[in-house]
N, C-alpha and C. Protein backbone atom coordinates (compact mmCIF):
# COMPACT_ATOMS: atom_id res chain seq x y z
N UNK A 1 -9.58 -3.75 18.65
CA UNK A 1 -10.32 -3.52 17.39
C UNK A 1 -10.54 -4.87 16.69
N UNK A 2 -11.76 -5.12 16.28
CA UNK A 2 -12.08 -6.37 15.56
C UNK A 2 -11.76 -6.07 14.10
N UNK A 3 -10.75 -6.75 13.57
CA UNK A 3 -10.26 -6.47 12.26
C UNK A 3 -10.44 -7.55 11.24
N UNK A 4 -10.92 -7.22 10.06
CA UNK A 4 -10.98 -8.15 9.02
C UNK A 4 -10.00 -7.82 7.93
N UNK A 5 -9.09 -8.67 7.55
CA UNK A 5 -8.23 -8.47 6.48
C UNK A 5 -8.71 -9.20 5.24
N UNK A 6 -8.89 -8.50 4.04
CA UNK A 6 -9.47 -9.21 2.95
C UNK A 6 -8.90 -8.53 1.66
N UNK A 7 -9.23 -9.08 0.53
CA UNK A 7 -8.77 -8.46 -0.72
C UNK A 7 -9.88 -7.43 -1.10
N UNK A 8 -9.41 -6.54 -1.88
CA UNK A 8 -10.24 -5.39 -2.37
C UNK A 8 -11.47 -6.10 -3.16
N UNK A 9 -12.61 -5.48 -3.09
CA UNK A 9 -13.79 -6.04 -3.77
C UNK A 9 -14.69 -4.83 -4.36
N UNK A 10 -15.58 -5.16 -5.20
CA UNK A 10 -16.49 -4.18 -5.77
C UNK A 10 -17.13 -3.50 -4.56
N UNK A 11 -17.24 -2.07 -4.77
CA UNK A 11 -17.82 -1.18 -3.81
C UNK A 11 -16.77 -0.66 -2.92
N UNK A 12 -15.53 -1.05 -2.89
CA UNK A 12 -14.45 -0.48 -2.14
C UNK A 12 -13.79 0.76 -2.68
N UNK A 13 -13.93 1.05 -3.96
CA UNK A 13 -13.19 2.15 -4.57
C UNK A 13 -13.41 3.47 -3.88
N UNK A 14 -14.60 3.91 -3.71
CA UNK A 14 -14.86 5.23 -3.06
C UNK A 14 -14.31 5.35 -1.62
N UNK A 15 -14.56 4.44 -0.77
CA UNK A 15 -13.94 4.46 0.52
C UNK A 15 -12.45 4.40 0.55
N UNK A 16 -11.79 3.60 -0.37
CA UNK A 16 -10.46 3.42 -0.45
C UNK A 16 -9.77 4.81 -0.83
N UNK A 17 -10.35 5.44 -1.87
CA UNK A 17 -9.83 6.73 -2.32
C UNK A 17 -9.97 7.76 -1.30
N UNK A 18 -11.09 7.77 -0.57
CA UNK A 18 -11.29 8.68 0.54
C UNK A 18 -10.17 8.50 1.64
N UNK A 19 -9.93 7.31 1.97
CA UNK A 19 -8.87 7.02 2.93
C UNK A 19 -7.45 7.50 2.43
N UNK A 20 -7.16 7.16 1.14
CA UNK A 20 -5.93 7.68 0.64
C UNK A 20 -5.80 9.15 0.69
N UNK A 21 -6.88 9.83 0.39
CA UNK A 21 -6.84 11.30 0.42
C UNK A 21 -6.61 11.79 1.82
N UNK A 22 -7.30 11.21 2.80
CA UNK A 22 -7.18 11.62 4.19
C UNK A 22 -5.65 11.25 4.69
N UNK A 23 -5.08 10.33 4.11
CA UNK A 23 -3.72 9.90 4.51
C UNK A 23 -2.60 10.69 3.70
N UNK A 24 -3.01 11.53 2.73
CA UNK A 24 -2.16 12.36 1.99
C UNK A 24 -1.38 11.54 0.86
N UNK A 25 -1.92 10.43 0.39
CA UNK A 25 -1.34 9.58 -0.52
C UNK A 25 -1.68 9.94 -1.98
N UNK A 26 -2.73 10.77 -2.21
CA UNK A 26 -3.15 11.11 -3.54
C UNK A 26 -2.45 12.39 -4.03
N UNK A 27 -1.78 12.34 -5.12
CA UNK A 27 -1.07 13.46 -5.68
C UNK A 27 -1.61 13.70 -7.10
N UNK A 28 -1.45 14.99 -7.53
CA UNK A 28 -1.98 15.40 -8.79
C UNK A 28 -1.72 14.53 -9.99
N UNK A 29 -0.48 13.97 -10.00
CA UNK A 29 0.01 13.30 -11.19
C UNK A 29 -0.39 11.77 -11.17
N UNK A 30 -1.10 11.32 -10.11
CA UNK A 30 -1.63 9.94 -10.12
C UNK A 30 -3.09 9.95 -9.91
N UNK A 31 -3.86 9.36 -10.77
CA UNK A 31 -5.29 9.29 -10.57
C UNK A 31 -5.56 7.99 -9.78
N UNK A 32 -6.07 8.12 -8.50
CA UNK A 32 -6.21 6.96 -7.66
C UNK A 32 -7.18 5.84 -8.25
N UNK A 33 -8.28 6.35 -9.01
CA UNK A 33 -9.24 5.43 -9.54
C UNK A 33 -8.49 4.62 -10.65
N UNK A 34 -7.67 5.30 -11.43
CA UNK A 34 -6.88 4.54 -12.48
C UNK A 34 -5.89 3.59 -11.81
N UNK A 35 -5.29 3.95 -10.66
CA UNK A 35 -4.37 3.06 -10.01
C UNK A 35 -5.10 1.89 -9.52
N UNK A 36 -6.28 2.04 -9.00
CA UNK A 36 -7.05 0.92 -8.58
C UNK A 36 -7.42 0.00 -9.79
N UNK A 37 -7.92 0.63 -10.87
CA UNK A 37 -8.22 -0.18 -12.08
C UNK A 37 -7.09 -0.99 -12.54
N UNK A 38 -5.90 -0.32 -12.53
CA UNK A 38 -4.72 -1.04 -13.07
C UNK A 38 -4.33 -2.22 -12.21
N UNK A 39 -4.40 -1.96 -10.85
CA UNK A 39 -4.16 -3.11 -9.87
C UNK A 39 -5.15 -4.24 -10.05
N UNK A 40 -6.39 -3.96 -10.33
CA UNK A 40 -7.39 -4.99 -10.52
C UNK A 40 -7.12 -5.76 -11.79
N UNK A 41 -6.46 -5.13 -12.74
CA UNK A 41 -6.11 -5.88 -14.04
C UNK A 41 -4.91 -6.84 -13.81
N UNK A 42 -4.09 -6.46 -12.78
CA UNK A 42 -2.86 -7.27 -12.60
C UNK A 42 -2.74 -7.62 -11.12
N UNK A 43 -2.87 -8.81 -10.80
CA UNK A 43 -2.73 -9.40 -9.47
C UNK A 43 -3.67 -8.68 -8.38
N UNK A 44 -4.97 -8.70 -8.60
CA UNK A 44 -5.87 -8.15 -7.64
C UNK A 44 -5.80 -8.83 -6.26
N UNK A 45 -5.33 -10.07 -6.30
CA UNK A 45 -5.16 -10.86 -5.03
C UNK A 45 -4.21 -10.25 -4.11
N UNK A 46 -3.41 -9.28 -4.65
CA UNK A 46 -2.39 -8.66 -3.79
C UNK A 46 -2.81 -7.19 -3.41
N UNK A 47 -4.03 -6.92 -3.46
CA UNK A 47 -4.55 -5.65 -2.97
C UNK A 47 -5.40 -5.79 -1.79
N UNK A 48 -4.91 -5.54 -0.70
CA UNK A 48 -5.49 -5.83 0.65
C UNK A 48 -6.19 -4.65 1.34
N UNK A 49 -7.27 -4.95 1.94
CA UNK A 49 -8.08 -3.94 2.72
C UNK A 49 -8.33 -4.45 4.06
N UNK A 50 -8.15 -3.56 5.06
CA UNK A 50 -8.43 -3.80 6.46
C UNK A 50 -9.79 -3.05 6.80
N UNK A 51 -10.62 -3.89 7.38
CA UNK A 51 -11.98 -3.38 7.74
C UNK A 51 -12.23 -3.58 9.16
N UNK A 52 -12.80 -2.52 9.78
CA UNK A 52 -13.20 -2.64 11.24
C UNK A 52 -14.63 -2.03 11.32
N UNK A 53 -15.45 -2.88 11.96
CA UNK A 53 -16.79 -2.46 12.14
C UNK A 53 -17.50 -1.90 10.80
N UNK A 54 -17.16 -2.67 9.69
CA UNK A 54 -17.87 -2.36 8.41
C UNK A 54 -17.19 -1.16 7.73
N UNK A 55 -16.11 -0.56 8.26
CA UNK A 55 -15.44 0.61 7.64
C UNK A 55 -14.11 0.20 7.26
N UNK A 56 -13.67 0.63 6.02
CA UNK A 56 -12.34 0.45 5.59
C UNK A 56 -11.39 1.42 6.34
N UNK A 57 -10.46 0.84 7.09
CA UNK A 57 -9.51 1.54 7.98
C UNK A 57 -8.06 1.53 7.47
N UNK A 58 -7.81 0.62 6.46
CA UNK A 58 -6.47 0.51 5.90
C UNK A 58 -6.42 -0.24 4.66
N UNK A 59 -5.31 0.05 3.93
CA UNK A 59 -5.04 -0.61 2.61
C UNK A 59 -3.55 -0.94 2.44
N UNK A 60 -3.28 -1.82 1.59
CA UNK A 60 -1.95 -2.19 1.14
C UNK A 60 -1.98 -2.88 -0.20
N UNK A 61 -1.28 -2.31 -1.13
CA UNK A 61 -1.11 -3.00 -2.41
C UNK A 61 0.27 -3.57 -2.43
N UNK A 62 0.38 -4.82 -2.95
CA UNK A 62 1.73 -5.47 -3.11
C UNK A 62 1.79 -5.87 -4.59
N UNK A 63 3.06 -5.95 -5.04
CA UNK A 63 3.28 -6.39 -6.41
C UNK A 63 4.53 -7.21 -6.54
N UNK A 64 4.58 -8.06 -7.51
CA UNK A 64 5.78 -8.90 -7.63
C UNK A 64 5.93 -9.29 -9.06
N UNK A 65 7.10 -8.98 -9.69
CA UNK A 65 7.30 -9.26 -11.07
C UNK A 65 8.26 -10.36 -11.34
N UNK A 66 8.63 -11.10 -10.28
CA UNK A 66 9.55 -12.24 -10.34
C UNK A 66 11.03 -11.92 -9.96
N UNK A 67 11.25 -10.68 -9.71
CA UNK A 67 12.57 -10.24 -9.23
C UNK A 67 12.55 -9.70 -7.85
N UNK A 68 11.68 -8.68 -7.59
CA UNK A 68 11.39 -8.10 -6.37
C UNK A 68 9.96 -7.79 -6.12
N UNK A 69 9.61 -7.73 -4.85
CA UNK A 69 8.28 -7.34 -4.40
C UNK A 69 8.30 -5.90 -4.16
N UNK A 70 7.11 -5.32 -4.22
CA UNK A 70 6.92 -3.92 -4.00
C UNK A 70 5.67 -3.62 -3.09
N UNK A 71 5.68 -2.56 -2.26
CA UNK A 71 4.58 -2.29 -1.47
C UNK A 71 4.17 -0.86 -1.86
N UNK A 72 2.90 -0.67 -2.03
CA UNK A 72 2.30 0.61 -2.35
C UNK A 72 1.01 0.87 -1.52
N UNK A 73 0.71 2.07 -1.48
CA UNK A 73 -0.55 2.47 -0.84
C UNK A 73 -0.82 1.80 0.50
N UNK A 74 0.20 1.70 1.36
CA UNK A 74 -0.03 1.25 2.71
C UNK A 74 -0.55 2.53 3.48
N UNK A 75 -1.77 2.41 3.96
CA UNK A 75 -2.45 3.55 4.51
C UNK A 75 -3.34 3.07 5.67
N UNK A 76 -3.37 3.83 6.61
CA UNK A 76 -4.26 3.57 7.83
C UNK A 76 -4.96 4.89 8.28
N UNK A 77 -6.23 4.87 8.44
CA UNK A 77 -6.93 6.09 8.91
C UNK A 77 -6.18 6.69 10.10
N UNK A 78 -5.99 7.98 10.13
CA UNK A 78 -5.26 8.61 11.11
C UNK A 78 -5.85 8.23 12.57
N UNK A 79 -7.15 8.23 12.77
CA UNK A 79 -7.66 7.89 14.07
C UNK A 79 -7.55 6.42 14.44
N UNK A 80 -7.09 5.58 13.46
CA UNK A 80 -6.87 4.06 13.81
C UNK A 80 -5.40 3.79 13.91
N UNK A 81 -4.56 4.78 13.89
CA UNK A 81 -3.11 4.55 14.01
C UNK A 81 -2.66 4.27 15.41
N UNK A 82 -1.53 3.62 15.51
CA UNK A 82 -0.94 3.37 16.88
C UNK A 82 -1.49 2.08 17.46
N UNK A 83 -2.20 1.29 16.66
CA UNK A 83 -2.79 0.02 17.20
C UNK A 83 -2.15 -1.29 16.47
N UNK A 84 -1.13 -0.97 15.65
CA UNK A 84 -0.50 -2.14 14.99
C UNK A 84 -1.11 -2.44 13.59
N UNK A 85 -2.04 -1.69 13.10
CA UNK A 85 -2.77 -2.06 11.87
C UNK A 85 -1.81 -1.95 10.65
N UNK A 86 -1.01 -0.94 10.56
CA UNK A 86 -0.04 -0.86 9.44
C UNK A 86 0.87 -1.98 9.39
N UNK A 87 1.40 -2.37 10.65
CA UNK A 87 2.27 -3.56 10.69
C UNK A 87 1.58 -4.80 10.26
N UNK A 88 0.30 -4.99 10.68
CA UNK A 88 -0.47 -6.16 10.34
C UNK A 88 -0.68 -6.23 8.88
N UNK A 89 -1.00 -5.07 8.20
CA UNK A 89 -1.20 -5.11 6.76
C UNK A 89 0.16 -5.41 6.03
N UNK A 90 1.22 -4.87 6.47
CA UNK A 90 2.50 -4.99 5.93
C UNK A 90 2.94 -6.48 6.08
N UNK A 91 2.82 -7.02 7.29
CA UNK A 91 3.10 -8.41 7.51
C UNK A 91 2.27 -9.35 6.57
N UNK A 92 1.01 -9.07 6.36
CA UNK A 92 0.15 -9.75 5.52
C UNK A 92 0.68 -9.78 4.10
N UNK A 93 0.99 -8.58 3.62
CA UNK A 93 1.54 -8.42 2.22
C UNK A 93 2.82 -9.12 2.06
N UNK A 94 3.79 -9.00 3.05
CA UNK A 94 5.05 -9.65 2.94
C UNK A 94 4.78 -11.24 2.82
N UNK A 95 3.98 -11.73 3.71
CA UNK A 95 3.72 -13.14 3.72
C UNK A 95 3.16 -13.59 2.34
N UNK A 96 2.27 -12.79 1.72
CA UNK A 96 1.74 -13.13 0.35
C UNK A 96 2.82 -13.11 -0.63
N UNK A 97 3.80 -12.21 -0.52
CA UNK A 97 4.85 -12.07 -1.42
C UNK A 97 5.81 -13.37 -1.24
N UNK A 98 6.10 -13.62 -0.03
CA UNK A 98 6.99 -14.75 0.30
C UNK A 98 6.32 -16.07 -0.19
N UNK A 99 5.09 -16.25 -0.16
CA UNK A 99 4.34 -17.42 -0.67
C UNK A 99 4.58 -17.53 -2.14
N UNK A 100 4.85 -16.43 -2.85
CA UNK A 100 5.17 -16.38 -4.29
C UNK A 100 6.62 -16.68 -4.60
N UNK A 101 7.45 -16.79 -3.55
CA UNK A 101 8.89 -16.93 -3.75
C UNK A 101 9.61 -15.71 -3.85
N UNK A 102 8.98 -14.55 -3.43
CA UNK A 102 9.63 -13.22 -3.54
C UNK A 102 10.85 -13.13 -2.57
N UNK A 103 12.04 -12.92 -3.06
CA UNK A 103 13.25 -12.87 -2.17
C UNK A 103 13.47 -11.59 -1.41
N UNK A 104 12.87 -10.41 -1.96
CA UNK A 104 13.17 -9.13 -1.42
C UNK A 104 12.03 -8.21 -1.73
N UNK A 105 11.66 -7.39 -0.80
CA UNK A 105 10.52 -6.45 -1.02
C UNK A 105 11.07 -4.97 -0.76
N UNK A 106 10.61 -4.06 -1.61
CA UNK A 106 11.02 -2.69 -1.60
C UNK A 106 9.74 -1.84 -1.57
N UNK A 107 9.96 -0.55 -1.18
CA UNK A 107 8.91 0.42 -1.26
C UNK A 107 9.53 1.76 -1.42
N UNK A 108 8.64 2.75 -1.76
CA UNK A 108 9.02 4.09 -1.98
C UNK A 108 8.30 5.00 -1.01
N UNK A 109 8.97 5.90 -0.40
CA UNK A 109 8.39 6.92 0.48
C UNK A 109 8.99 8.26 0.05
N UNK A 110 8.08 9.24 0.08
CA UNK A 110 8.52 10.60 -0.26
C UNK A 110 9.42 11.09 0.75
N UNK A 111 10.54 11.74 0.50
CA UNK A 111 11.45 12.29 1.42
C UNK A 111 10.87 13.15 2.53
N UNK A 112 9.77 13.84 2.14
CA UNK A 112 9.10 14.76 3.10
C UNK A 112 8.31 13.98 4.13
N UNK A 113 8.03 12.73 3.88
CA UNK A 113 7.17 11.92 4.77
C UNK A 113 8.07 11.25 5.93
N UNK A 114 8.66 12.14 6.81
CA UNK A 114 9.65 11.66 7.73
C UNK A 114 9.09 10.58 8.77
N UNK A 115 7.82 10.89 9.26
CA UNK A 115 7.33 9.97 10.21
C UNK A 115 7.07 8.55 9.62
N UNK A 116 6.72 8.46 8.33
CA UNK A 116 6.58 7.19 7.71
C UNK A 116 7.89 6.51 7.53
N UNK A 117 8.95 7.32 7.18
CA UNK A 117 10.27 6.76 6.98
C UNK A 117 10.73 6.05 8.38
N UNK A 118 10.47 6.74 9.47
CA UNK A 118 10.85 6.12 10.77
C UNK A 118 10.07 4.83 11.06
N UNK A 119 8.76 4.87 10.64
CA UNK A 119 8.02 3.58 10.86
C UNK A 119 8.56 2.41 10.12
N UNK A 120 8.89 2.60 8.86
CA UNK A 120 9.46 1.59 8.09
C UNK A 120 10.81 1.04 8.61
N UNK A 121 11.66 2.07 8.98
CA UNK A 121 12.99 1.73 9.55
C UNK A 121 12.79 0.86 10.78
N UNK A 122 11.80 1.31 11.65
CA UNK A 122 11.49 0.39 12.86
C UNK A 122 11.18 -1.03 12.48
N UNK A 123 10.61 -1.26 11.31
CA UNK A 123 10.13 -2.53 10.93
C UNK A 123 11.27 -3.29 10.16
N UNK A 124 12.40 -2.72 10.12
CA UNK A 124 13.50 -3.40 9.56
C UNK A 124 13.80 -2.97 8.10
N UNK A 125 13.15 -2.04 7.55
CA UNK A 125 13.44 -1.53 6.24
C UNK A 125 14.54 -0.51 6.34
N UNK A 126 15.45 -0.53 5.29
CA UNK A 126 16.59 0.36 5.40
C UNK A 126 16.70 1.12 4.10
N UNK A 127 17.42 2.27 4.14
CA UNK A 127 17.68 2.93 2.88
C UNK A 127 18.65 2.16 2.08
N UNK A 128 18.33 2.14 0.78
CA UNK A 128 19.17 1.36 -0.16
C UNK A 128 20.03 2.32 -0.97
N UNK A 129 21.15 1.88 -1.34
CA UNK A 129 22.03 2.71 -2.19
C UNK A 129 21.69 2.86 -3.57
N UNK A 130 20.49 3.23 -3.82
CA UNK A 130 20.01 3.35 -5.22
C UNK A 130 19.22 4.63 -5.32
N UNK A 131 19.00 5.11 -6.55
CA UNK A 131 18.08 6.21 -6.85
C UNK A 131 16.96 5.80 -7.74
N UNK A 132 15.76 6.12 -7.37
CA UNK A 132 14.62 5.74 -8.12
C UNK A 132 14.48 6.71 -9.33
N UNK A 133 14.42 6.26 -10.48
CA UNK A 133 14.10 7.02 -11.63
C UNK A 133 12.81 6.67 -12.25
N UNK A 134 12.10 7.56 -12.88
CA UNK A 134 10.75 7.27 -13.35
C UNK A 134 10.52 7.95 -14.71
N UNK A 135 9.66 7.29 -15.45
CA UNK A 135 9.24 7.89 -16.78
C UNK A 135 7.75 7.54 -16.96
N UNK A 136 6.95 8.54 -17.14
CA UNK A 136 5.54 8.31 -17.25
C UNK A 136 5.29 7.89 -18.71
N UNK A 137 4.61 6.74 -18.86
CA UNK A 137 4.24 6.21 -20.17
C UNK A 137 2.78 6.61 -20.48
N UNK A 138 2.01 6.71 -19.46
CA UNK A 138 0.53 7.19 -19.66
C UNK A 138 0.29 8.29 -18.69
N UNK A 139 -0.03 9.42 -19.13
CA UNK A 139 -0.36 10.51 -18.19
C UNK A 139 -1.76 10.36 -17.67
N UNK A 140 -1.85 10.42 -16.38
CA UNK A 140 -3.20 10.36 -15.66
C UNK A 140 -3.99 11.73 -15.69
N UNK A 141 -3.23 12.74 -15.86
CA UNK A 141 -3.83 14.12 -15.79
C UNK A 141 -3.77 14.80 -17.10
């Protein structure tokens, strides 16, 4: 597969949201368009898109606040899986975070997403002895 890794650009929103929906990443309490707008307001250079033959086939958002890096919305079209694309996107995001001096990267995966948990474990990610707590400051719905 001929692959182009690039940052998100104008015109990508619709195909990216379609990809996220196909991958089961869109949930009722998060508006994906708002998530994109928020990312574009803060470090848009860490929002990566994989394109093959003019079609968006993968995405990865990274973030870094000076203490830890985070990975969000790592997604690959189901028919494009098994070719190393997710690993390529993740490696690219990790390298961008390392370039910023990021010492550690973390990510969140829903407990029900067991196949993705195994994918990350295979790449060296491990369960951490922490519990993620959340509080919504702005309701998307």
